């Protein structure tokens, strides 16, 4: 935000040139027009306030610049909200900086996400993709993995539980306080669609998961044999779900395609749920 220090041009007369004293220019809010320059003559810099600006909002953005012509066109050495000049004392600046640090360090709202699905559906690869970790070497999850991912002001605590048949009975031990259920399906393994559909249906009947939003990732869309999300939704009768919000999202945990779209949906719906 520049401020012109001199009168536009030099005033000529007779045999010499006469320099006009420095203008001073401040910026103030002018209603819908936004910041508007207010120019006056005189010594020092003053804050220009325009009446009618709503209370509680920053009313003036003040710039200060020395009258030295060498500063013309350069960024002002000081810029900030229109605070009284005496408020710029060091101890007050320290107080302001302390408040800003507290706001910056305020913890994100925590969200508990349960990540379930059959074995080999791609849950762990998906979780590592979310955490921006190396996915070149993945081993089957025998117990559970927990990772925290920061997204859109939320701290997503994701619980990845193994999907082997012998582990599934223990899924219910992790239902408590779940905010979002993510269910992962191998879109290319058509032989197991019935099995994965049955497991999902049982999860939706669980009392502790009642009304919990569910995101279904139709994973492995990078494979030519993968069924489209619309076909999977129809085969699983997802349209019959009435007690919660749900979404089916095509994705590839391997390439990352569609993963962030699903997480955006999660953040949107957990925000609505926690209001």
C-alpha atoms as a PDB file:
ATOM      1  CA  UNK A   1       0.000   0.000   0.000  1.00  0.00           C
ATOM      2  CA  UNK A   2       1.973   2.991  -1.194  1.00  0.00           C
ATOM      3  CA  UNK A   3       1.616   6.611  -0.185  1.00  0.00           C
ATOM      4  CA  UNK A   4       2.871   9.533  -2.291  1.00  0.00           C
ATOM      5  CA  UNK A   5       5.077  11.827  -0.265  1.00  0.00           C
ATOM      6  CA  UNK A   6       5.184  14.826  -2.583  1.00  0.00           C
ATOM      7  CA  UNK A   7       2.645  16.958  -4.373  1.00  0.00           C
ATOM      8  CA  UNK A   8       2.151  15.502  -7.861  1.00  0.00           C
ATOM      9  CA  UNK A   9       4.910  17.343  -9.757  1.00  0.00           C
ATOM     10  CA  UNK A  10       6.893  20.474  -9.151  1.00  0.00           C
ATOM     11  CA  UNK A  11       5.387  23.973  -9.341  1.00  0.00           C
ATOM     12  CA  UNK A  12       7.434  26.062 -11.790  1.00  0.00           C
ATOM     13  CA  UNK A  13       7.600  29.835 -11.799  1.00  0.00           C
ATOM     14  CA  UNK A  14      10.075  32.346 -13.085  1.00  0.00           C
ATOM     15  CA  UNK A  15      13.568  31.070 -13.370  1.00  0.00           C
ATOM     16  CA  UNK A  16      13.388  28.499 -10.636  1.00  0.00           C
ATOM     17  CA  UNK A  17      11.292  25.657  -9.371  1.00  0.00           C
ATOM     18  CA  UNK A  18       9.449  25.628  -6.065  1.00  0.00           C
ATOM     19  CA  UNK A  19       8.826  22.384  -4.189  1.00  0.00           C
ATOM     20  CA  UNK A  20       5.467  21.999  -2.505  1.00  0.00           C
ATOM     21  CA  UNK A  21       5.477  20.622   1.032  1.00  0.00           C
ATOM     22  CA  UNK A  22       4.756  16.928   1.599  1.00  0.00           C
ATOM     23  CA  UNK A  23       1.249  15.573   1.469  1.00  0.00           C
ATOM     24  CA  UNK A  24       0.228  13.109   4.078  1.00  0.00           C
ATOM     25  CA  UNK A  25      -2.018  10.228   3.081  1.00  0.00           C
ATOM     26  CA  UNK A  26      -3.885   7.877   5.376  1.00  0.00           C
ATOM     27  CA  UNK A  27      -6.253   5.071   4.503  1.00  0.00           C
ATOM     28  CA  UNK A  28      -9.695   4.568   5.988  1.00  0.00           C
ATOM     29  CA  UNK A  29     -12.664   2.308   5.404  1.00  0.00           C
ATOM     30  CA  UNK A  30     -15.269   3.927   3.166  1.00  0.00           C
ATOM     31  CA  UNK A  31     -18.291   1.636   3.486  1.00  0.00           C
ATOM     32  CA  UNK A  32     -18.693  -0.659   0.500  1.00  0.00           C
ATOM     33  CA  UNK A  33     -15.847   1.071  -1.316  1.00  0.00           C
ATOM     34  CA  UNK A  34     -13.281  -0.473   1.036  1.00  0.00           C
ATOM     35  CA  UNK A  35     -10.066   1.365   1.859  1.00  0.00           C
ATOM     36  CA  UNK A  36     -10.033   4.945   0.541  1.00  0.00           C
ATOM     37  CA  UNK A  37      -7.110   7.413   0.694  1.00  0.00           C
ATOM     38  CA  UNK A  38      -7.664  10.575   2.716  1.00  0.00           C
ATOM     39  CA  UNK A  39      -5.104  13.280   1.970  1.00  0.00           C
ATOM     40  CA  UNK A  40      -4.451  16.373   4.090  1.00  0.00           C
ATOM     41  CA  UNK A  41      -1.565  18.747   4.666  1.00  0.00           C
ATOM     42  CA  UNK A  42       0.268  19.320   7.886  1.00  0.00           C
ATOM     43  CA  UNK A  43       2.900  17.889  10.121  1.00  0.00           C
ATOM     44  CA  UNK A  44       2.968  14.313  11.343  1.00  0.00           C
ATOM     45  CA  UNK A  45       0.510  11.595  10.479  1.00  0.00           C
ATOM     46  CA  UNK A  46      -3.065  11.401  11.718  1.00  0.00           C
ATOM     47  CA  UNK A  47      -5.581   8.591  11.615  1.00  0.00           C
ATOM     48  CA  UNK A  48      -8.625   9.340   9.479  1.00  0.00           C
ATOM     49  CA  UNK A  49     -11.833   7.814  10.752  1.00  0.00           C
ATOM     50  CA  UNK A  50     -14.938   7.584   8.602  1.00  0.00           C
ATOM     51  CA  UNK A  51     -18.242   7.532  10.480  1.00  0.00           C
ATOM     52  CA  UNK A  52     -20.848   4.867   9.864  1.00  0.00           C
ATOM     53  CA  UNK A  53     -18.453   1.912   9.840  1.00  0.00           C
ATOM     54  CA  UNK A  54     -19.920  -0.881  11.879  1.00  0.00           C
ATOM     55  CA  UNK A  55     -18.697  -1.269  15.460  1.00  0.00           C
ATOM     56  CA  UNK A  56     -16.334  -4.051  16.346  1.00  0.00           C
ATOM     57  CA  UNK A  57     -14.576  -4.284  12.948  1.00  0.00           C
ATOM     58  CA  UNK A  58     -11.125  -2.844  12.160  1.00  0.00           C
ATOM     59  CA  UNK A  59     -12.043   0.713  11.228  1.00  0.00           C
ATOM     60  CA  UNK A  60      -8.758   2.101  10.022  1.00  0.00           C
ATOM     61  CA  UNK A  61      -5.678   0.632   8.459  1.00  0.00           C
ATOM     62  CA  UNK A  62      -3.019   3.208   9.137  1.00  0.00           C
ATOM     63  CA  UNK A  63       0.224   3.678   7.282  1.00  0.00           C
ATOM     64  CA  UNK A  64       3.043   5.781   8.576  1.00  0.00           C
ATOM     65  CA  UNK A  65       5.867   7.113   6.453  1.00  0.00           C
ATOM     66  CA  UNK A  66       8.472   9.718   7.015  1.00  0.00           C
ATOM     67  CA  UNK A  67       8.199  12.895   4.969  1.00  0.00           C
ATOM     68  CA  UNK A  68      11.574  12.081   3.443  1.00  0.00           C
ATOM     69  CA  UNK A  69      11.074  12.041  -0.365  1.00  0.00           C
ATOM     70  CA  UNK A  70      13.408   9.053  -0.589  1.00  0.00           C
ATOM     71  CA  UNK A  71      10.598   6.950   0.889  1.00  0.00           C
ATOM     72  CA  UNK A  72       8.242   7.684  -1.995  1.00  0.00           C
ATOM     73  CA  UNK A  73       6.841   4.524  -3.572  1.00  0.00           C
ATOM     74  CA  UNK A  74       8.414   2.290  -0.919  1.00  0.00           C
ATOM     75  CA  UNK A  75       6.534   0.133   1.535  1.00  0.00           C
ATOM     76  CA  UNK A  76       5.729   2.058   4.736  1.00  0.00           C
ATOM     77  CA  UNK A  77       7.896   1.096   7.695  1.00  0.00           C
ATOM     78  CA  UNK A  78       4.849   0.595   9.891  1.00  0.00           C
ATOM     79  CA  UNK A  79       1.414  -0.715   8.968  1.00  0.00           C
ATOM     80  CA  UNK A  80      -1.329  -1.997  11.205  1.00  0.00           C
ATOM     81  CA  UNK A  81      -4.787  -1.477  12.605  1.00  0.00           C
ATOM     82  CA  UNK A  82      -5.710   2.073  13.530  1.00  0.00           C
ATOM     83  CA  UNK A  83      -4.642   2.032  17.160  1.00  0.00           C
ATOM     84  CA  UNK A  84      -4.013   5.210  19.158  1.00  0.00           C
ATOM     85  CA  UNK A  85      -0.434   6.403  18.723  1.00  0.00           C
ATOM     86  CA  UNK A  86       0.354   6.028  22.413  1.00  0.00           C
ATOM     87  CA  UNK A  87      -0.641   2.339  22.258  1.00  0.00           C
ATOM     88  CA  UNK A  88       2.513   1.498  20.332  1.00  0.00           C
ATOM     89  CA  UNK A  89       4.558   1.254  23.529  1.00  0.00           C
ATOM     90  CA  UNK A  90       6.712  -1.891  23.780  1.00  0.00           C
ATOM     91  CA  UNK A  91       4.767  -3.509  26.616  1.00  0.00           C
ATOM     92  CA  UNK A  92       1.489  -3.141  24.714  1.00  0.00           C
ATOM     93  CA  UNK A  93       2.982  -4.682  21.591  1.00  0.00           C
ATOM     94  CA  UNK A  94       4.166  -7.607  23.716  1.00  0.00           C
ATOM     95  CA  UNK A  95       0.619  -8.061  24.995  1.00  0.00           C
ATOM     96  CA  UNK A  96      -0.739  -8.079  21.450  1.00  0.00           C
ATOM     97  CA  UNK A  97       1.894 -10.570  20.315  1.00  0.00           C
ATOM     98  CA  UNK A  98       1.041 -12.797  23.272  1.00  0.00           C
ATOM     99  CA  UNK A  99      -2.634 -12.841  22.250  1.00  0.00           C
ATOM    100  CA  UNK A 100      -1.745 -13.638  18.642  1.00  0.00           C
ATOM    101  CA  UNK A 101       0.483 -16.514  19.740  1.00  0.00           C
ATOM    102  CA  UNK A 102      -2.319 -17.967  21.838  1.00  0.00           C
ATOM    103  CA  UNK A 103      -4.727 -17.764  18.909  1.00  0.00           C
ATOM    104  CA  UNK A 104      -2.196 -19.388  16.612  1.00  0.00           C
ATOM    105  CA  UNK A 105      -1.469 -22.169  19.075  1.00  0.00           C
ATOM    106  CA  UNK A 106      -5.149 -22.884  19.817  1.00  0.00           C
ATOM    107  CA  UNK A 107      -5.643 -26.635  19.379  1.00  0.00           C
ATOM    108  CA  UNK A 108      -7.681 -27.907  16.452  1.00  0.00           C
ATOM    109  CA  UNK A 109     -10.991 -29.555  17.216  1.00  0.00           C
ATOM    110  CA  UNK A 110     -10.413 -33.288  17.573  1.00  0.00           C
ATOM    111  CA  UNK A 111     -12.423 -35.768  15.542  1.00  0.00           C
ATOM    112  CA  UNK A 112     -12.465 -39.519  16.082  1.00  0.00           C
ATOM    113  CA  UNK A 113     -12.686 -41.455  12.816  1.00  0.00           C
ATOM    114  CA  UNK A 114     -13.135 -45.218  12.587  1.00  0.00           C
ATOM    115  CA  UNK A 115     -11.615 -46.737   9.431  1.00  0.00           C
ATOM    116  CA  UNK A 116     -13.057 -50.170   8.650  1.00  0.00           C
ATOM    117  CA  UNK A 117     -13.400 -52.578   5.754  1.00  0.00           C
ATOM    118  CA  UNK A 118     -12.464 -56.098   4.696  1.00  0.00           C
ATOM    119  CA  UNK A 119      -8.860 -57.224   4.621  1.00  0.00           C
ATOM    120  CA  UNK A 120      -6.976 -56.091   1.506  1.00  0.00           C
ATOM    121  CA  UNK A 121      -9.452 -53.254   0.876  1.00  0.00           C
ATOM    122  CA  UNK A 122      -6.644 -50.680   1.078  1.00  0.00           C
ATOM    123  CA  UNK A 123      -7.344 -49.103   4.470  1.00  0.00           C
ATOM    124  CA  UNK A 124      -3.741 -48.786   5.606  1.00  0.00           C
ATOM    125  CA  UNK A 125      -2.598 -47.471   2.215  1.00  0.00           C
ATOM    126  CA  UNK A 126      -5.377 -44.902   2.396  1.00  0.00           C
ATOM    127  CA  UNK A 127      -4.335 -43.861   5.899  1.00  0.00           C
ATOM    128  CA  UNK A 128      -0.692 -43.489   4.874  1.00  0.00           C
ATOM    129  CA  UNK A 129      -1.761 -41.474   1.856  1.00  0.00           C
ATOM    130  CA  UNK A 130      -3.681 -39.124   4.156  1.00  0.00           C
ATOM    131  CA  UNK A 131      -0.635 -38.752   6.388  1.00  0.00           C
ATOM    132  CA  UNK A 132       1.654 -38.163   3.362  1.00  0.00           C
ATOM    133  CA  UNK A 133       3.735 -41.207   4.263  1.00  0.00           C
ATOM    134  CA  UNK A 134       5.561 -43.703   2.079  1.00  0.00           C
ATOM    135  CA  UNK A 135       3.149 -46.291   0.667  1.00  0.00           C
ATOM    136  CA  UNK A 136       5.686 -48.443  -1.149  1.00  0.00           C
ATOM    137  CA  UNK A 137       5.680 -51.078   1.584  1.00  0.00           C
ATOM    138  CA  UNK A 138       2.365 -52.013   3.226  1.00  0.00           C
ATOM    139  CA  UNK A 139       1.773 -54.987   5.492  1.00  0.00           C
ATOM    140  CA  UNK A 140      -1.638 -56.321   6.607  1.00  0.00           C
ATOM    141  CA  UNK A 141      -2.866 -54.742   9.835  1.00  0.00           C
ATOM    142  CA  UNK A 142      -3.085 -57.416  12.513  1.00  0.00           C
ATOM    143  CA  UNK A 143      -4.324 -55.104  15.239  1.00  0.00           C
ATOM    144  CA  UNK A 144      -4.864 -51.406  14.664  1.00  0.00           C
ATOM    145  CA  UNK A 145      -3.057 -48.261  13.551  1.00  0.00           C
ATOM    146  CA  UNK A 146      -3.718 -44.748  14.806  1.00  0.00           C
ATOM    147  CA  UNK A 147      -2.668 -41.630  12.961  1.00  0.00           C
ATOM    148  CA  UNK A 148      -3.580 -37.972  13.381  1.00  0.00           C
ATOM    149  CA  UNK A 149      -4.110 -35.800  10.321  1.00  0.00           C
ATOM    150  CA  UNK A 150      -4.630 -32.022  10.343  1.00  0.00           C
ATOM    151  CA  UNK A 151      -7.283 -30.794   7.922  1.00  0.00           C
ATOM    152  CA  UNK A 152      -9.409 -27.638   7.745  1.00  0.00           C
ATOM    153  CA  UNK A 153      -9.095 -26.780  11.425  1.00  0.00           C
ATOM    154  CA  UNK A 154      -9.688 -30.343  12.604  1.00  0.00           C
ATOM    155  CA  UNK A 155      -7.350 -32.882  14.109  1.00  0.00           C
ATOM    156  CA  UNK A 156      -8.554 -36.135  12.569  1.00  0.00           C
ATOM    157  CA  UNK A 157      -7.629 -39.073  14.804  1.00  0.00           C
ATOM    158  CA  UNK A 158      -8.023 -42.048  12.483  1.00  0.00           C
ATOM    159  CA  UNK A 159      -8.295 -45.567  13.900  1.00  0.00           C
ATOM    160  CA  UNK A 160      -7.433 -48.168  11.269  1.00  0.00           C
ATOM    161  CA  UNK A 161      -8.615 -51.594  12.447  1.00  0.00           C
ATOM    162  CA  UNK A 162      -7.581 -54.833  10.756  1.00  0.00           C
ATOM    163  CA  UNK A 163     -10.189 -56.387   8.476  1.00  0.00           C
ATOM    164  CA  UNK A 164      -9.392 -60.095   8.696  1.00  0.00           C
ATOM    165  CA  UNK A 165     -12.352 -62.276   9.565  1.00  0.00           C
ATOM    166  CA  UNK A 166     -10.883 -63.230  12.955  1.00  0.00           C
ATOM    167  CA  UNK A 167     -10.453 -59.544  13.873  1.00  0.00           C
ATOM    168  CA  UNK A 168     -13.879 -58.246  12.826  1.00  0.00           C
ATOM    169  CA  UNK A 169     -15.655 -59.372  16.045  1.00  0.00           C
ATOM    170  CA  UNK A 170     -13.387 -56.915  17.898  1.00  0.00           C
ATOM    171  CA  UNK A 171     -14.461 -53.932  15.792  1.00  0.00           C
ATOM    172  CA  UNK A 172     -17.197 -53.125  18.289  1.00  0.00           C
ATOM    173  CA  UNK A 173     -14.568 -52.418  20.936  1.00  0.00           C
ATOM    174  CA  UNK A 174     -13.726 -49.237  19.018  1.00  0.00           C
ATOM    175  CA  UNK A 175     -17.229 -47.878  18.348  1.00  0.00           C
ATOM    176  CA  UNK A 176     -17.395 -45.608  21.398  1.00  0.00           C
ATOM    177  CA  UNK A 177     -17.324 -41.847  20.675  1.00  0.00           C
ATOM    178  CA  UNK A 178     -16.920 -42.290  16.922  1.00  0.00           C
ATOM    179  CA  UNK A 179     -17.650 -39.078  15.001  1.00  0.00           C
ATOM    180  CA  UNK A 180     -17.266 -40.421  11.456  1.00  0.00           C
ATOM    181  CA  UNK A 181     -17.234 -43.946  10.040  1.00  0.00           C
ATOM    182  CA  UNK A 182     -15.123 -44.511   6.928  1.00  0.00           C
ATOM    183  CA  UNK A 183     -15.724 -47.844   5.215  1.00  0.00           C
ATOM    184  CA  UNK A 184     -13.326 -48.931   2.469  1.00  0.00           C
ATOM    185  CA  UNK A 185     -14.300 -51.292  -0.349  1.00  0.00           C
ATOM    186  CA  UNK A 186     -12.034 -52.963  -2.901  1.00  0.00           C
ATOM    187  CA  UNK A 187     -13.885 -51.958  -6.071  1.00  0.00           C
ATOM    188  CA  UNK A 188     -12.013 -54.550  -8.131  1.00  0.00           C
ATOM    189  CA  UNK A 189     -12.853 -57.543  -5.912  1.00  0.00           C
ATOM    190  CA  UNK A 190     -16.376 -58.220  -7.142  1.00  0.00           C
ATOM    191  CA  UNK A 191     -16.439 -61.687  -5.577  1.00  0.00           C
ATOM    192  CA  UNK A 192     -16.475 -60.100  -2.126  1.00  0.00           C
ATOM    193  CA  UNK A 193     -19.117 -57.448  -2.732  1.00  0.00           C
ATOM    194  CA  UNK A 194     -21.737 -59.521  -0.934  1.00  0.00           C
ATOM    195  CA  UNK A 195     -19.437 -60.097   2.034  1.00  0.00           C
ATOM    196  CA  UNK A 196     -18.434 -56.458   2.351  1.00  0.00           C
ATOM    197  CA  UNK A 197     -22.056 -55.378   1.950  1.00  0.00           C
ATOM    198  CA  UNK A 198     -23.105 -57.639   4.806  1.00  0.00           C
ATOM    199  CA  UNK A 199     -20.388 -56.267   7.092  1.00  0.00           C
ATOM    200  CA  UNK A 200     -21.397 -52.690   6.295  1.00  0.00           C
ATOM    201  CA  UNK A 201     -25.070 -53.437   6.940  1.00  0.00           C
ATOM    202  CA  UNK A 202     -24.225 -54.886  10.358  1.00  0.00           C
ATOM    203  CA  UNK A 203     -22.155 -51.828  11.229  1.00  0.00           C
ATOM    204  CA  UNK A 204     -25.046 -49.530  10.393  1.00  0.00           C
ATOM    205  CA  UNK A 205     -27.244 -51.498  12.798  1.00  0.00           C
ATOM    206  CA  UNK A 206     -24.885 -50.976  15.744  1.00  0.00           C
ATOM    207  CA  UNK A 207     -26.399 -48.767  18.447  1.00  0.00           C
ATOM    208  CA  UNK A 208     -23.099 -47.042  19.256  1.00  0.00           C
ATOM    209  CA  UNK A 209     -22.780 -46.034  15.599  1.00  0.00           C
ATOM    210  CA  UNK A 210     -26.348 -44.791  15.346  1.00  0.00           C
ATOM    211  CA  UNK A 211     -26.636 -41.618  13.244  1.00  0.00           C
ATOM    212  CA  UNK A 212     -22.863 -41.484  12.712  1.00  0.00           C
ATOM    213  CA  UNK A 213     -22.114 -40.104   9.217  1.00  0.00           C
ATOM    214  CA  UNK A 214     -20.558 -42.735   6.958  1.00  0.00           C
ATOM    215  CA  UNK A 215     -18.167 -42.242   4.065  1.00  0.00           C
ATOM    216  CA  UNK A 216     -17.710 -45.219   1.753  1.00  0.00           C
ATOM    217  CA  UNK A 217     -14.506 -45.167  -0.266  1.00  0.00           C
ATOM    218  CA  UNK A 218     -14.840 -47.157  -3.501  1.00  0.00           C
ATOM    219  CA  UNK A 219     -11.104 -47.829  -3.597  1.00  0.00           C
ATOM    220  CA  UNK A 220      -8.725 -49.117  -6.296  1.00  0.00           C
ATOM    221  CA  UNK A 221     -10.347 -47.150  -9.095  1.00  0.00           C
ATOM    222  CA  UNK A 222      -6.938 -47.136 -10.785  1.00  0.00           C
ATOM    223  CA  UNK A 223      -7.541 -50.797 -11.758  1.00  0.00           C
ATOM    224  CA  UNK A 224      -9.300 -51.541 -15.034  1.00  0.00           C
ATOM    225  CA  UNK A 225     -11.488 -54.167 -13.352  1.00  0.00           C
ATOM    226  CA  UNK A 226     -12.809 -51.743 -10.724  1.00  0.00           C
ATOM    227  CA  UNK A 227     -16.572 -51.303 -10.525  1.00  0.00           C
ATOM    228  CA  UNK A 228     -17.749 -47.671 -10.612  1.00  0.00           C
ATOM    229  CA  UNK A 229     -19.028 -46.140  -7.390  1.00  0.00           C
ATOM    230  CA  UNK A 230     -22.561 -45.906  -8.785  1.00  0.00           C
ATOM    231  CA  UNK A 231     -22.665 -49.661  -9.404  1.00  0.00           C
ATOM    232  CA  UNK A 232     -21.407 -50.394  -5.897  1.00  0.00           C
ATOM    233  CA  UNK A 233     -23.946 -48.013  -4.357  1.00  0.00           C
ATOM    234  CA  UNK A 234     -26.762 -49.767  -6.183  1.00  0.00           C
ATOM    235  CA  UNK A 235     -25.490 -53.238  -5.281  1.00  0.00           C
ATOM    236  CA  UNK A 236     -25.247 -52.320  -1.588  1.00  0.00           C
ATOM    237  CA  UNK A 237     -28.660 -50.592  -1.573  1.00  0.00           C
ATOM    238  CA  UNK A 238     -27.138 -47.461  -0.108  1.00  0.00           C
ATOM    239  CA  UNK A 239     -30.231 -45.506  -1.131  1.00  0.00           C
ATOM    240  CA  UNK A 240     -32.109 -47.268   1.688  1.00  0.00           C
ATOM    241  CA  UNK A 241     -29.994 -45.566   4.370  1.00  0.00           C
ATOM    242  CA  UNK A 242     -32.279 -43.083   6.119  1.00  0.00           C
ATOM    243  CA  UNK A 243     -30.885 -42.586   9.629  1.00  0.00           C
ATOM    244  CA  UNK A 244     -27.673 -40.723   8.747  1.00  0.00           C
ATOM    245  CA  UNK A 245     -25.859 -38.785   6.055  1.00  0.00           C
ATOM    246  CA  UNK A 246     -23.685 -40.880   3.792  1.00  0.00           C
ATOM    247  CA  UNK A 247     -21.459 -40.525   0.770  1.00  0.00           C
ATOM    248  CA  UNK A 248     -19.743 -42.948  -1.598  1.00  0.00           C
ATOM    249  CA  UNK A 249     -16.515 -41.603  -3.055  1.00  0.00           C
ATOM    250  CA  UNK A 250     -14.467 -43.100  -5.878  1.00  0.00           C
ATOM    251  CA  UNK A 251     -10.789 -43.116  -5.006  1.00  0.00           C
ATOM    252  CA  UNK A 252      -7.410 -44.703  -5.459  1.00  0.00           C
ATOM    253  CA  UNK A 253      -5.365 -44.924  -2.282  1.00  0.00           C
ATOM    254  CA  UNK A 254      -2.374 -45.741  -4.486  1.00  0.00           C
ATOM    255  CA  UNK A 255      -2.489 -42.560  -6.580  1.00  0.00           C
ATOM    256  CA  UNK A 256      -4.337 -40.400  -4.059  1.00  0.00           C
ATOM    257  CA  UNK A 257      -7.080 -39.518  -6.524  1.00  0.00           C
ATOM    258  CA  UNK A 258     -10.402 -38.808  -4.798  1.00  0.00           C
ATOM    259  CA  UNK A 259      -8.979 -39.161  -1.285  1.00  0.00           C
ATOM    260  CA  UNK A 260      -8.996 -35.451  -0.466  1.00  0.00           C
ATOM    261  CA  UNK A 261     -12.524 -35.114  -1.847  1.00  0.00           C
ATOM    262  CA  UNK A 262     -13.634 -37.664   0.716  1.00  0.00           C
ATOM    263  CA  UNK A 263     -11.838 -35.883   3.546  1.00  0.00           C
ATOM    264  CA  UNK A 264     -13.464 -32.601   2.525  1.00  0.00           C
ATOM    265  CA  UNK A 265     -16.841 -34.309   2.920  1.00  0.00           C
ATOM    266  CA  UNK A 266     -15.774 -35.620   6.331  1.00  0.00           C
ATOM    267  CA  UNK A 267     -14.791 -32.155   7.580  1.00  0.00           C
ATOM    268  CA  UNK A 268     -17.983 -30.604   6.266  1.00  0.00           C
ATOM    269  CA  UNK A 269     -20.223 -33.146   7.954  1.00  0.00           C
ATOM    270  CA  UNK A 270     -18.365 -33.409  11.222  1.00  0.00           C
ATOM    271  CA  UNK A 271     -18.594 -29.612  11.465  1.00  0.00           C
ATOM    272  CA  UNK A 272     -22.368 -29.775  11.047  1.00  0.00           C
ATOM    273  CA  UNK A 273     -22.589 -32.672  13.515  1.00  0.00           C
ATOM    274  CA  UNK A 274     -20.672 -30.816  16.240  1.00  0.00           C
ATOM    275  CA  UNK A 275     -22.665 -27.562  16.015  1.00  0.00           C
END
